[in-house]
């Protein structure tokens, strides 16, 4: 079965623009611009968003390494496992890129059940909290819990709205830049 990963982005900015690739000052400036414009989902982020994000990315990377992951980058690019139109709606002129999971080098993609932020920060006893999953582990997780974008499309049953894929190597992504 072919599994696609999806990346959503603002048409005018292009795909795979990553705040984590910027210096702290550059990331703050972009975040301030997004807040000032106020017309996209990212404009609602809290002021310490980048500090929390960098901490969570480091934790996810460490967990992935412990499971045998082979991250190339110090931070991931983000995609969803399967289509998630809710994420696409975050953008004024949202666009998408779909890439087969099979196109990525083994050991360079990790997953969280839900967005990295709630997956790593919520403490509600769900077994997938604080966890990172490998490509080999994710099918079992889906068979147990399903795809959040199917059972929770409106977010009424918790913060899980999709399975996030963290892409730790940009070799394939460069084709889309």
N, C-alpha and C. Protein backbone atom coordinates (compact mmCIF):
# COMPACT_ATOMS: atom_id res chain seq x y z
N UNK A 1 0.84 -1.19 0.00
CA UNK A 1 0.00 0.00 0.00
C UNK A 1 0.88 1.25 0.00
N UNK A 2 0.63 2.16 -0.91
CA UNK A 2 1.41 3.39 -1.01
C UNK A 2 0.88 4.40 0.01
N UNK A 3 1.77 4.91 0.82
CA UNK A 3 1.41 5.92 1.82
C UNK A 3 2.06 7.23 1.43
N UNK A 4 1.26 8.26 1.34
CA UNK A 4 1.78 9.58 1.01
C UNK A 4 1.89 10.44 2.25
N UNK A 5 2.93 11.23 2.28
CA UNK A 5 3.09 12.28 3.28
C UNK A 5 2.76 13.59 2.59
N UNK A 6 2.11 14.50 3.32
CA UNK A 6 1.67 15.78 2.76
C UNK A 6 2.32 16.94 3.50
N UNK A 7 2.73 17.91 2.73
CA UNK A 7 3.26 19.16 3.28
C UNK A 7 2.38 20.28 2.76
N UNK A 8 1.93 21.13 3.67
CA UNK A 8 1.06 22.25 3.31
C UNK A 8 1.83 23.55 3.53
N UNK A 9 1.55 24.52 2.68
CA UNK A 9 2.32 25.76 2.75
C UNK A 9 1.55 26.90 2.09
N UNK A 10 2.02 28.10 2.35
CA UNK A 10 1.47 29.31 1.75
C UNK A 10 2.05 29.47 0.34
N UNK A 11 1.20 29.66 -0.64
CA UNK A 11 1.63 29.74 -2.04
C UNK A 11 2.76 30.74 -2.23
N UNK A 12 2.62 31.92 -1.66
CA UNK A 12 3.62 32.97 -1.91
C UNK A 12 4.97 32.69 -1.25
N UNK A 13 5.00 31.86 -0.23
CA UNK A 13 6.27 31.56 0.45
C UNK A 13 6.94 30.31 -0.09
N UNK A 14 6.16 29.37 -0.61
CA UNK A 14 6.73 28.13 -1.14
C UNK A 14 6.85 27.06 -0.07
N UNK A 15 7.11 25.83 -0.50
CA UNK A 15 7.15 24.71 0.43
C UNK A 15 8.47 24.59 1.20
N UNK A 16 8.36 23.90 2.31
CA UNK A 16 9.51 23.51 3.14
C UNK A 16 10.34 24.70 3.61
N UNK A 17 9.66 25.78 3.95
CA UNK A 17 10.30 26.92 4.61
C UNK A 17 10.24 26.60 6.10
N UNK A 18 11.35 26.57 6.76
CA UNK A 18 11.39 26.05 8.11
C UNK A 18 11.95 27.08 9.08
N UNK A 19 11.12 27.49 10.04
CA UNK A 19 11.57 28.45 11.05
C UNK A 19 12.78 27.93 11.82
N UNK A 20 12.85 26.63 12.01
CA UNK A 20 13.96 26.05 12.79
C UNK A 20 15.29 26.20 12.08
N UNK A 21 15.28 26.42 10.78
CA UNK A 21 16.54 26.58 10.04
C UNK A 21 17.11 27.99 10.21
N UNK A 22 16.31 28.88 10.77
CA UNK A 22 16.73 30.27 10.94
C UNK A 22 17.41 30.49 12.28
N UNK A 23 18.19 31.55 12.36
CA UNK A 23 18.74 31.94 13.66
C UNK A 23 17.58 32.35 14.57
N UNK A 24 17.85 32.42 15.85
CA UNK A 24 16.79 32.82 16.80
C UNK A 24 16.21 34.18 16.42
N UNK A 25 17.08 35.12 16.06
CA UNK A 25 16.61 36.47 15.71
C UNK A 25 15.77 36.46 14.44
N UNK A 26 16.22 35.72 13.43
CA UNK A 26 15.45 35.64 12.18
C UNK A 26 14.10 34.98 12.41
N UNK A 27 14.08 33.92 13.22
CA UNK A 27 12.82 33.23 13.51
C UNK A 27 11.87 34.15 14.27
N UNK A 28 12.39 34.92 15.20
CA UNK A 28 11.55 35.88 15.94
C UNK A 28 10.97 36.93 14.99
N UNK A 29 11.78 37.41 14.07
CA UNK A 29 11.31 38.42 13.12
C UNK A 29 10.19 37.87 12.24
N UNK A 30 10.34 36.64 11.75
CA UNK A 30 9.29 36.02 10.94
C UNK A 30 8.04 35.82 11.79
N UNK A 31 8.21 35.37 13.01
CA UNK A 31 7.06 35.17 13.90
C UNK A 31 6.33 36.48 14.17
N UNK A 32 7.09 37.55 14.39
CA UNK A 32 6.46 38.86 14.60
C UNK A 32 5.68 39.30 13.37
N UNK A 33 6.26 39.07 12.19
CA UNK A 33 5.57 39.42 10.94
C UNK A 33 4.26 38.65 10.81
N UNK A 34 4.29 37.37 11.11
CA UNK A 34 3.07 36.55 11.03
C UNK A 34 2.02 37.06 12.01
N UNK A 35 2.44 37.40 13.23
CA UNK A 35 1.50 37.92 14.23
C UNK A 35 0.91 39.26 13.79
N UNK A 36 1.75 40.12 13.23
CA UNK A 36 1.29 41.43 12.78
C UNK A 36 0.26 41.30 11.68
N UNK A 37 0.54 40.44 10.71
CA UNK A 37 -0.41 40.23 9.61
C UNK A 37 -1.69 39.58 10.11
N UNK A 38 -1.56 38.64 11.03
CA UNK A 38 -2.71 38.05 11.70
C UNK A 38 -3.69 37.29 10.84
N UNK A 39 -3.33 36.93 9.63
CA UNK A 39 -4.32 36.31 8.74
C UNK A 39 -4.05 34.84 8.45
N UNK A 40 -3.11 34.22 9.17
CA UNK A 40 -2.85 32.80 9.01
C UNK A 40 -2.80 32.15 10.39
N UNK A 41 -2.93 30.85 10.43
CA UNK A 41 -2.97 30.09 11.69
C UNK A 41 -1.75 30.39 12.56
N UNK A 42 -0.58 30.48 11.95
CA UNK A 42 0.66 30.70 12.71
C UNK A 42 0.67 32.03 13.46
N UNK A 43 -0.21 32.96 13.09
CA UNK A 43 -0.25 34.26 13.78
C UNK A 43 -0.77 34.13 15.21
N UNK A 44 -1.34 33.00 15.55
CA UNK A 44 -1.91 32.79 16.90
C UNK A 44 -0.93 32.17 17.87
N UNK A 45 0.28 31.90 17.43
CA UNK A 45 1.26 31.24 18.29
C UNK A 45 1.69 32.13 19.43
N UNK A 46 1.99 31.50 20.56
CA UNK A 46 2.44 32.25 21.72
C UNK A 46 3.85 32.79 21.50
N UNK A 47 4.24 33.78 22.29
CA UNK A 47 5.52 34.45 22.09
C UNK A 47 6.74 33.53 22.24
N UNK A 48 6.64 32.53 23.11
CA UNK A 48 7.77 31.64 23.31
C UNK A 48 7.68 30.37 22.45
N UNK A 49 6.91 30.44 21.38
CA UNK A 49 6.70 29.30 20.49
C UNK A 49 8.03 28.69 20.01
N UNK A 50 8.95 29.52 19.54
CA UNK A 50 10.20 28.99 18.97
C UNK A 50 11.07 28.32 20.03
N UNK A 51 11.10 28.84 21.22
CA UNK A 51 11.90 28.21 22.27
C UNK A 51 11.33 26.83 22.59
N UNK A 52 10.01 26.75 22.71
CA UNK A 52 9.37 25.46 23.00
C UNK A 52 9.58 24.51 21.82
N UNK A 53 9.41 25.02 20.61
CA UNK A 53 9.57 24.18 19.43
C UNK A 53 10.97 23.57 19.36
N UNK A 54 11.99 24.38 19.58
CA UNK A 54 13.36 23.87 19.52
C UNK A 54 13.60 22.80 20.58
N UNK A 55 13.05 23.00 21.76
CA UNK A 55 13.18 22.01 22.84
C UNK A 55 12.49 20.70 22.45
N UNK A 56 11.28 20.79 21.91
CA UNK A 56 10.54 19.60 21.51
C UNK A 56 11.21 18.88 20.34
N UNK A 57 11.74 19.65 19.41
CA UNK A 57 12.46 19.03 18.29
C UNK A 57 13.69 18.26 18.78
N UNK A 58 14.39 18.83 19.74
CA UNK A 58 15.57 18.15 20.29
C UNK A 58 15.16 16.87 21.00
N UNK A 59 14.08 16.93 21.77
CA UNK A 59 13.59 15.73 22.47
C UNK A 59 13.17 14.66 21.46
N UNK A 60 12.44 15.07 20.41
CA UNK A 60 12.01 14.11 19.38
C UNK A 60 13.21 13.49 18.69
N UNK A 61 14.23 14.29 18.40
CA UNK A 61 15.44 13.78 17.75
C UNK A 61 16.13 12.74 18.63
N UNK A 62 16.24 13.05 19.92
CA UNK A 62 16.89 12.12 20.85
C UNK A 62 16.11 10.80 20.94
N UNK A 63 14.79 10.87 21.02
CA UNK A 63 13.98 9.66 21.07
C UNK A 63 14.12 8.85 19.78
N UNK A 64 14.16 9.55 18.66
CA UNK A 64 14.31 8.88 17.37
C UNK A 64 15.66 8.18 17.27
N UNK A 65 16.71 8.84 17.71
CA UNK A 65 18.04 8.23 17.72
C UNK A 65 18.06 6.95 18.56
N UNK A 66 17.39 6.98 19.72
CA UNK A 66 17.33 5.80 20.59
C UNK A 66 16.64 4.62 19.92
N UNK A 67 15.75 4.92 18.98
CA UNK A 67 15.03 3.86 18.26
C UNK A 67 15.75 3.46 16.98
N UNK A 68 16.94 3.97 16.77
CA UNK A 68 17.71 3.60 15.59
C UNK A 68 17.54 4.54 14.41
N UNK A 69 16.86 5.66 14.63
CA UNK A 69 16.72 6.65 13.57
C UNK A 69 18.06 7.22 13.17
N UNK A 70 18.13 7.69 11.94
CA UNK A 70 19.37 8.26 11.42
C UNK A 70 19.11 9.68 10.89
N UNK A 71 18.80 10.61 11.80
CA UNK A 71 18.55 11.97 11.34
C UNK A 71 19.81 12.62 10.77
N UNK A 72 19.64 13.30 9.68
CA UNK A 72 20.73 14.04 9.06
C UNK A 72 20.71 15.49 9.54
N UNK A 73 19.52 16.05 9.63
CA UNK A 73 19.34 17.44 10.04
C UNK A 73 19.22 17.55 11.56
N UNK A 74 19.57 18.71 12.12
CA UNK A 74 19.39 18.91 13.57
C UNK A 74 17.93 19.20 13.93
N UNK A 75 17.09 19.50 12.97
CA UNK A 75 15.67 19.81 13.16
C UNK A 75 14.91 19.17 11.99
N UNK A 76 13.63 18.87 12.20
CA UNK A 76 12.88 18.24 11.11
C UNK A 76 12.10 19.24 10.26
N UNK A 77 11.72 18.78 9.08
CA UNK A 77 10.67 19.41 8.30
C UNK A 77 9.41 18.64 8.66
N UNK A 78 8.25 19.25 8.47
CA UNK A 78 7.01 18.65 8.93
C UNK A 78 6.07 18.31 7.78
N UNK A 79 5.46 17.14 7.91
CA UNK A 79 4.45 16.68 6.95
C UNK A 79 3.37 15.95 7.75
N UNK A 80 2.28 15.61 7.10
CA UNK A 80 1.26 14.79 7.72
C UNK A 80 1.23 13.44 7.03
N UNK A 81 0.91 12.41 7.78
CA UNK A 81 0.73 11.09 7.20
C UNK A 81 -0.71 11.05 6.69
N UNK A 82 -0.86 11.02 5.39
CA UNK A 82 -2.18 11.13 4.80
C UNK A 82 -2.60 12.58 4.68
N UNK A 83 -3.62 12.78 3.92
CA UNK A 83 -4.13 14.13 3.66
C UNK A 83 -4.82 14.70 4.90
N UNK A 84 -4.67 16.00 5.13
CA UNK A 84 -5.34 16.67 6.25
C UNK A 84 -5.72 18.08 5.80
N UNK A 85 -6.92 18.21 5.30
CA UNK A 85 -7.37 19.50 4.77
C UNK A 85 -7.44 20.58 5.84
N UNK A 86 -7.59 20.19 7.10
CA UNK A 86 -7.59 21.18 8.17
C UNK A 86 -6.26 21.94 8.20
N UNK A 87 -5.14 21.23 8.05
CA UNK A 87 -3.84 21.89 8.03
C UNK A 87 -3.74 22.81 6.81
N UNK A 88 -4.22 22.36 5.69
CA UNK A 88 -4.18 23.20 4.49
C UNK A 88 -4.95 24.50 4.70
N UNK A 89 -6.00 24.44 5.52
CA UNK A 89 -6.82 25.64 5.77
C UNK A 89 -6.10 26.67 6.63
N UNK A 90 -4.93 26.34 7.18
CA UNK A 90 -4.16 27.29 7.97
C UNK A 90 -3.62 28.44 7.11
N UNK A 91 -3.61 28.26 5.81
CA UNK A 91 -2.96 29.20 4.91
C UNK A 91 -3.97 29.93 4.05
N UNK A 92 -3.68 31.21 3.76
CA UNK A 92 -4.56 32.01 2.89
C UNK A 92 -4.74 31.34 1.53
N UNK A 93 -3.62 31.02 0.92
CA UNK A 93 -3.63 30.34 -0.38
C UNK A 93 -2.84 29.05 -0.23
N UNK A 94 -3.42 28.13 0.52
CA UNK A 94 -2.74 26.89 0.84
C UNK A 94 -2.49 26.01 -0.37
N UNK A 95 -1.33 25.45 -0.39
CA UNK A 95 -0.93 24.50 -1.43
C UNK A 95 -0.41 23.25 -0.73
N UNK A 96 -0.21 22.19 -1.50
CA UNK A 96 0.28 20.97 -0.90
C UNK A 96 1.29 20.27 -1.81
N UNK A 97 2.15 19.52 -1.17
CA UNK A 97 3.08 18.62 -1.84
C UNK A 97 2.82 17.25 -1.24
N UNK A 98 2.65 16.24 -2.08
CA UNK A 98 2.49 14.86 -1.62
C UNK A 98 3.70 14.06 -2.08
N UNK A 99 4.32 13.36 -1.15
CA UNK A 99 5.51 12.55 -1.45
C UNK A 99 5.29 11.18 -0.83
N UNK A 100 5.59 10.14 -1.58
CA UNK A 100 5.46 8.78 -1.06
C UNK A 100 6.46 8.56 0.07
N UNK A 101 6.00 7.93 1.13
CA UNK A 101 6.88 7.59 2.24
C UNK A 101 8.05 6.74 1.76
N UNK A 102 7.82 5.92 0.75
CA UNK A 102 8.87 5.07 0.20
C UNK A 102 10.02 5.86 -0.43
N UNK A 103 9.80 7.12 -0.76
CA UNK A 103 10.84 7.94 -1.37
C UNK A 103 11.92 8.38 -0.39
N UNK A 104 11.62 8.32 0.89
CA UNK A 104 12.57 8.79 1.90
C UNK A 104 13.53 7.68 2.29
N UNK A 105 14.76 8.06 2.56
CA UNK A 105 15.77 7.09 3.00
C UNK A 105 15.33 6.46 4.32
N UNK A 106 15.59 5.17 4.49
CA UNK A 106 15.24 4.51 5.75
C UNK A 106 15.88 5.23 6.94
N UNK A 107 15.13 5.33 8.01
CA UNK A 107 15.65 5.92 9.23
C UNK A 107 15.68 7.42 9.26
N UNK A 108 15.01 8.08 8.29
CA UNK A 108 15.04 9.54 8.26
C UNK A 108 13.67 10.18 8.51
N UNK A 109 12.66 9.36 8.81
CA UNK A 109 11.32 9.88 9.08
C UNK A 109 10.84 9.32 10.42
N UNK A 110 10.43 10.20 11.31
CA UNK A 110 9.80 9.78 12.56
C UNK A 110 8.37 10.31 12.55
N UNK A 111 7.57 9.82 13.50
CA UNK A 111 6.17 10.22 13.57
C UNK A 111 5.77 10.49 15.01
N UNK A 112 4.83 11.39 15.18
CA UNK A 112 4.13 11.54 16.45
C UNK A 112 2.65 11.40 16.17
N UNK A 113 1.94 10.83 17.13
CA UNK A 113 0.49 10.67 16.97
C UNK A 113 -0.14 12.00 17.38
N UNK A 114 -0.34 12.83 16.38
CA UNK A 114 -0.75 14.20 16.57
C UNK A 114 0.44 15.12 16.34
N UNK A 115 0.17 16.38 16.36
CA UNK A 115 1.20 17.40 16.21
C UNK A 115 2.25 17.24 17.31
N UNK A 116 3.48 17.59 17.01
CA UNK A 116 4.58 17.46 17.96
C UNK A 116 4.26 18.13 19.29
N UNK A 117 3.65 19.31 19.26
CA UNK A 117 3.40 20.06 20.51
C UNK A 117 2.49 19.28 21.47
N UNK A 118 1.27 18.94 21.09
CA UNK A 118 0.46 18.19 22.05
C UNK A 118 0.98 16.77 22.29
N UNK A 119 1.56 16.15 21.27
CA UNK A 119 2.06 14.78 21.46
C UNK A 119 3.12 14.74 22.55
N UNK A 120 3.95 15.76 22.62
CA UNK A 120 5.04 15.79 23.58
C UNK A 120 4.71 16.52 24.88
N UNK A 121 3.64 17.32 24.89
CA UNK A 121 3.38 18.16 26.05
C UNK A 121 2.15 17.76 26.86
N UNK A 122 1.12 17.22 26.23
CA UNK A 122 -0.09 16.85 26.96
C UNK A 122 0.20 15.67 27.88
N UNK A 123 -0.35 15.71 29.06
CA UNK A 123 -0.20 14.64 30.03
C UNK A 123 -1.60 14.13 30.39
N UNK A 124 -2.15 13.27 29.53
CA UNK A 124 -3.50 12.77 29.78
C UNK A 124 -3.55 11.26 29.85
N UNK A 125 -2.38 10.60 29.96
CA UNK A 125 -2.34 9.16 30.12
C UNK A 125 -2.44 8.36 28.84
N UNK A 126 -2.65 9.01 27.71
CA UNK A 126 -2.69 8.26 26.45
C UNK A 126 -1.29 7.76 26.14
N UNK A 127 -1.20 6.50 25.75
CA UNK A 127 0.11 5.86 25.62
C UNK A 127 1.00 6.46 24.55
N UNK A 128 0.43 7.18 23.61
CA UNK A 128 1.24 7.75 22.54
C UNK A 128 1.79 9.14 22.89
N UNK A 129 1.48 9.64 24.05
CA UNK A 129 2.04 10.93 24.48
C UNK A 129 3.53 10.75 24.80
N UNK A 130 4.31 11.73 24.41
CA UNK A 130 5.74 11.70 24.70
C UNK A 130 6.51 10.68 23.89
N UNK A 131 5.90 10.16 22.84
CA UNK A 131 6.51 9.10 22.05
C UNK A 131 6.80 9.55 20.63
N UNK A 132 7.83 8.99 20.07
CA UNK A 132 8.16 9.14 18.65
C UNK A 132 8.14 7.73 18.08
N UNK A 133 7.60 7.60 16.87
CA UNK A 133 7.45 6.30 16.23
C UNK A 133 8.26 6.23 14.94
N UNK A 134 8.71 5.04 14.62
CA UNK A 134 9.46 4.81 13.39
C UNK A 134 8.50 4.40 12.27
N UNK A 135 9.03 4.34 11.07
CA UNK A 135 8.24 3.89 9.92
C UNK A 135 7.72 2.48 10.14
N UNK A 136 8.50 1.64 10.80
CA UNK A 136 8.06 0.27 11.08
C UNK A 136 6.96 0.22 12.14
N UNK A 137 6.95 1.17 13.06
CA UNK A 137 5.99 1.15 14.16
C UNK A 137 4.65 1.80 13.81
N UNK A 138 4.65 2.72 12.87
CA UNK A 138 3.45 3.53 12.64
C UNK A 138 2.26 2.71 12.13
N UNK A 139 2.43 1.69 11.28
CA UNK A 139 1.25 0.92 10.85
C UNK A 139 0.50 0.27 12.03
N UNK A 140 1.23 -0.25 13.00
CA UNK A 140 0.59 -0.84 14.18
C UNK A 140 -0.18 0.17 14.99
N UNK A 141 0.38 1.36 15.12
CA UNK A 141 -0.29 2.43 15.85
C UNK A 141 -1.59 2.83 15.14
N UNK A 142 -1.52 2.93 13.82
CA UNK A 142 -2.72 3.27 13.05
C UNK A 142 -3.77 2.17 13.17
N UNK A 143 -3.36 0.92 13.15
CA UNK A 143 -4.34 -0.16 13.27
C UNK A 143 -5.01 -0.15 14.63
N UNK A 144 -4.33 0.32 15.66
CA UNK A 144 -4.90 0.38 17.01
C UNK A 144 -5.77 1.61 17.22
N UNK A 145 -5.31 2.77 16.71
CA UNK A 145 -6.00 4.02 17.03
C UNK A 145 -6.65 4.71 15.84
N UNK A 146 -6.31 4.30 14.63
CA UNK A 146 -6.87 4.94 13.43
C UNK A 146 -6.13 6.22 13.08
N UNK A 147 -6.59 6.85 12.02
CA UNK A 147 -6.04 8.15 11.60
C UNK A 147 -6.85 9.26 12.26
N UNK A 148 -6.21 10.12 13.02
CA UNK A 148 -6.95 11.18 13.70
C UNK A 148 -7.78 12.06 12.77
N UNK A 149 -7.29 12.29 11.53
CA UNK A 149 -8.05 13.13 10.62
C UNK A 149 -9.37 12.47 10.22
N UNK A 150 -9.50 11.16 10.48
CA UNK A 150 -10.76 10.47 10.21
C UNK A 150 -11.67 10.44 11.44
N UNK A 151 -11.13 10.15 12.64
CA UNK A 151 -11.98 10.06 13.82
C UNK A 151 -12.11 11.37 14.60
N UNK A 152 -11.29 12.36 14.27
CA UNK A 152 -11.33 13.63 15.00
C UNK A 152 -11.11 14.83 14.09
N UNK A 153 -11.82 14.92 12.97
CA UNK A 153 -11.53 15.99 12.01
C UNK A 153 -11.77 17.41 12.56
N UNK A 154 -12.67 17.55 13.49
CA UNK A 154 -12.97 18.88 14.03
C UNK A 154 -12.25 19.15 15.35
N UNK A 155 -11.48 18.19 15.85
CA UNK A 155 -10.74 18.40 17.09
C UNK A 155 -11.58 18.33 18.34
N UNK A 156 -12.77 17.78 18.24
CA UNK A 156 -13.68 17.73 19.40
C UNK A 156 -13.30 16.64 20.41
N UNK A 157 -12.45 15.70 19.99
CA UNK A 157 -12.10 14.58 20.87
C UNK A 157 -10.66 14.66 21.36
N UNK A 158 -10.06 15.82 21.27
CA UNK A 158 -8.69 15.99 21.74
C UNK A 158 -7.85 16.69 20.70
N UNK A 159 -6.56 16.88 21.01
CA UNK A 159 -5.70 17.65 20.10
C UNK A 159 -5.20 16.88 18.88
N UNK A 160 -5.43 15.57 18.84
CA UNK A 160 -4.95 14.79 17.71
C UNK A 160 -5.84 15.05 16.50
N UNK A 161 -5.28 15.66 15.46
CA UNK A 161 -6.05 15.91 14.24
C UNK A 161 -5.38 15.27 13.04
N UNK A 162 -4.16 14.78 13.20
CA UNK A 162 -3.39 14.11 12.15
C UNK A 162 -2.19 13.45 12.79
N UNK A 163 -1.55 12.58 12.05
CA UNK A 163 -0.26 12.02 12.46
C UNK A 163 0.81 12.86 11.78
N UNK A 164 1.71 13.39 12.58
CA UNK A 164 2.75 14.24 12.02
C UNK A 164 3.97 13.40 11.68
N UNK A 165 4.54 13.68 10.52
CA UNK A 165 5.80 13.06 10.11
C UNK A 165 6.90 14.11 10.24
N UNK A 166 7.96 13.75 10.93
CA UNK A 166 9.12 14.62 11.03
C UNK A 166 10.16 14.09 10.04
N UNK A 167 10.54 14.93 9.11
CA UNK A 167 11.48 14.56 8.05
C UNK A 167 12.86 15.09 8.45
N UNK A 168 13.79 14.18 8.71
CA UNK A 168 15.10 14.52 9.24
C UNK A 168 16.20 14.56 8.19
N UNK A 169 15.83 14.56 6.94
CA UNK A 169 16.79 14.63 5.84
C UNK A 169 16.10 15.37 4.70
N UNK A 170 16.72 16.41 4.20
CA UNK A 170 16.04 17.22 3.17
C UNK A 170 16.45 16.84 1.74
N UNK A 171 17.12 15.70 1.57
CA UNK A 171 17.57 15.31 0.21
C UNK A 171 16.40 15.25 -0.77
N UNK A 172 15.32 14.59 -0.43
CA UNK A 172 14.15 14.50 -1.30
C UNK A 172 13.44 15.84 -1.40
N UNK A 173 13.40 16.58 -0.31
CA UNK A 173 12.67 17.84 -0.28
C UNK A 173 13.26 18.90 -1.18
N UNK A 174 14.55 18.82 -1.44
CA UNK A 174 15.20 19.81 -2.30
C UNK A 174 14.60 19.87 -3.69
N UNK A 175 13.98 18.79 -4.12
CA UNK A 175 13.31 18.78 -5.43
C UNK A 175 12.16 19.79 -5.48
N UNK A 176 11.62 20.14 -4.34
CA UNK A 176 10.42 20.98 -4.27
C UNK A 176 10.72 22.43 -3.91
N UNK A 177 11.98 22.74 -3.68
CA UNK A 177 12.35 24.11 -3.27
C UNK A 177 12.53 25.00 -4.49
